[in-house]
Amino acid sequence: MKLSISNNKLSGVEKIISSLLVYPYGCIEQTTSSTLPNAILKWFSNIFSGVVDEKTLDKNIDFWVKRILWMQTPTWWFAYWPGDTVDNLHITPYVLRSLIDIQKYAKIDIQKNID
């Protein structure tokens, strides 16, 4: 066990930020919930330069946005799991709002990823 004590509120933030690069486990909520903080991290990349590799961040955001869009059903709602075709009426508003924010913070065009 390791105990670290600091009077700096940002002490250890590098570990937390780095963990964002490997978070999603599969469902739409976890994928969306990790992609949005990554996009926000991209927005503040000038503050965290050297903490996170920006190329890796860009690659991950692009991959996860495509994964989110892949979980869209034929009726334009979102399913909870990859390959599922059941519309999830509870998660869809969260995903749509997050996609708007991801586009803003990551400065990407999500429309280009829609088939």
Protein backbone atom coordinates (compact mmCIF):
# COMPACT_ATOMS: atom_id res chain seq x y z
CA MET A 1 0.00 0.00 0.00
CA LYS A 2 1.19 3.51 -0.79
CA LEU A 3 -0.11 6.62 0.97
CA SER A 4 0.50 10.05 -0.52
CA ILE A 5 -0.34 13.29 1.24
CA SER A 6 -0.30 16.68 -0.42
CA ASN A 7 -1.73 20.13 0.13
CA ASN A 8 -2.06 20.49 -3.65
CA LYS A 9 -5.56 19.59 -4.88
CA LEU A 10 -4.15 18.57 -8.27
CA SER A 11 -1.54 16.23 -6.84
CA GLY A 12 -1.66 12.99 -8.80
CA VAL A 13 -3.92 14.37 -11.53
CA GLU A 14 -1.61 12.89 -14.15
CA LYS A 15 -2.66 9.35 -13.16
CA ILE A 16 -6.34 10.25 -13.31
CA ILE A 17 -6.00 11.91 -16.70
CA SER A 18 -3.99 9.01 -18.11
CA SER A 19 -6.63 6.54 -16.91
CA LEU A 20 -9.20 8.28 -19.11
CA LEU A 21 -7.39 6.91 -22.16
CA VAL A 22 -8.33 3.30 -21.33
CA TYR A 23 -11.70 3.52 -19.57
CA PRO A 24 -14.59 2.26 -21.75
CA TYR A 25 -15.73 -1.29 -21.22
CA GLY A 26 -18.39 -1.77 -23.86
CA CYS A 27 -21.85 -0.35 -23.20
CA ILE A 28 -23.00 2.97 -24.65
CA GLU A 29 -23.07 4.70 -21.26
CA GLN A 30 -19.47 3.83 -20.38
CA THR A 31 -18.23 4.61 -23.88
CA THR A 32 -19.99 7.99 -23.89
CA SER A 33 -19.00 8.72 -20.29
CA SER A 34 -15.32 8.29 -21.12
CA THR A 35 -15.33 9.95 -24.52
CA LEU A 36 -16.75 13.21 -23.20
CA PRO A 37 -14.01 13.72 -20.56
CA ASN A 38 -11.42 12.88 -23.22
CA ALA A 39 -12.90 15.59 -25.44
CA ILE A 40 -12.80 18.04 -22.54
CA LEU A 41 -9.18 17.04 -21.91
CA LYS A 42 -8.51 17.79 -25.58
CA TRP A 43 -10.11 21.23 -25.09
CA PHE A 44 -7.66 21.91 -22.24
CA SER A 45 -4.68 20.20 -23.90
CA ASN A 46 -2.58 23.34 -23.58
CA ILE A 47 -2.79 23.04 -19.77
CA PHE A 48 -2.01 19.31 -19.74
CA SER A 49 0.68 19.23 -22.42
CA GLY A 50 3.18 16.51 -21.66
CA VAL A 51 0.74 14.62 -19.43
CA VAL A 52 -1.17 12.94 -22.26
CA ASP A 53 -0.02 12.13 -25.77
CA GLU A 54 -2.30 14.21 -27.99
CA LYS A 55 -2.06 11.78 -30.92
CA THR A 56 -3.30 8.96 -28.70
CA LEU A 57 -6.06 11.21 -27.41
CA ASP A 58 -7.18 12.07 -30.96
CA LYS A 59 -7.06 8.42 -32.00
CA ASN A 60 -9.13 7.34 -29.00
CA ILE A 61 -11.74 10.06 -29.43
CA ASP A 62 -12.14 9.17 -33.09
CA PHE A 63 -12.45 5.45 -32.29
CA TRP A 64 -14.95 5.96 -29.46
CA VAL A 65 -17.13 8.38 -31.46
CA LYS A 66 -17.31 5.78 -34.23
CA ARG A 67 -18.19 3.15 -31.61
CA ILE A 68 -20.97 5.34 -30.21
CA LEU A 69 -22.38 5.90 -33.68
CA TRP A 70 -22.13 2.18 -34.39
CA MET A 71 -24.59 1.59 -31.51
CA GLN A 72 -27.20 3.70 -33.24
CA THR A 73 -30.27 1.69 -34.21
CA PRO A 74 -31.98 1.80 -37.63
CA THR A 75 -34.54 4.21 -36.13
CA TRP A 76 -31.75 6.66 -35.15
CA TRP A 77 -32.03 5.97 -31.39
CA PHE A 78 -29.19 4.32 -29.51
CA ALA A 79 -28.96 0.77 -28.17
CA TYR A 80 -27.30 0.05 -24.87
CA TRP A 81 -24.98 -2.71 -26.14
CA PRO A 82 -23.08 -3.12 -29.43
CA GLY A 83 -25.03 -5.20 -31.92
CA ASP A 84 -28.33 -4.63 -30.11
CA THR A 85 -31.21 -3.22 -32.16
CA VAL A 86 -33.50 -2.31 -29.27
CA ASP A 87 -33.96 1.45 -28.91
CA ASN A 88 -32.99 2.67 -25.46
CA LEU A 89 -35.17 5.69 -24.81
CA HIS A 90 -33.40 6.51 -21.55
CA ILE A 91 -29.81 6.64 -22.78
CA THR A 92 -30.41 8.29 -26.18
CA PRO A 93 -30.85 11.88 -24.88
CA TYR A 94 -27.66 11.52 -22.83
CA VAL A 95 -25.75 10.23 -25.86
CA LEU A 96 -27.06 12.98 -28.15
CA ARG A 97 -26.19 15.73 -25.67
CA SER A 98 -22.76 14.22 -25.13
CA LEU A 99 -22.10 14.01 -28.88
CA ILE A 100 -22.83 17.73 -29.17
CA ASP A 101 -20.34 18.45 -26.38
CA ILE A 102 -17.76 16.02 -27.76
CA GLN A 103 -17.93 17.75 -31.12
CA LYS A 104 -17.47 21.14 -29.46
CA TYR A 105 -14.64 20.25 -27.09
CA ALA A 106 -12.69 17.93 -29.39
CA LYS A 107 -13.20 20.28 -32.33
CA ILE A 108 -14.27 17.44 -34.62
CA ASP A 109 -17.02 17.01 -37.18
CA ILE A 110 -19.10 14.04 -36.02
CA GLN A 111 -21.27 14.31 -39.14
CA LYS A 112 -18.41 12.90 -41.24
CA ASN A 113 -18.58 9.65 -39.25
CA ILE A 114 -22.25 9.03 -39.98
CA ASP A 115 -22.77 6.58 -42.83
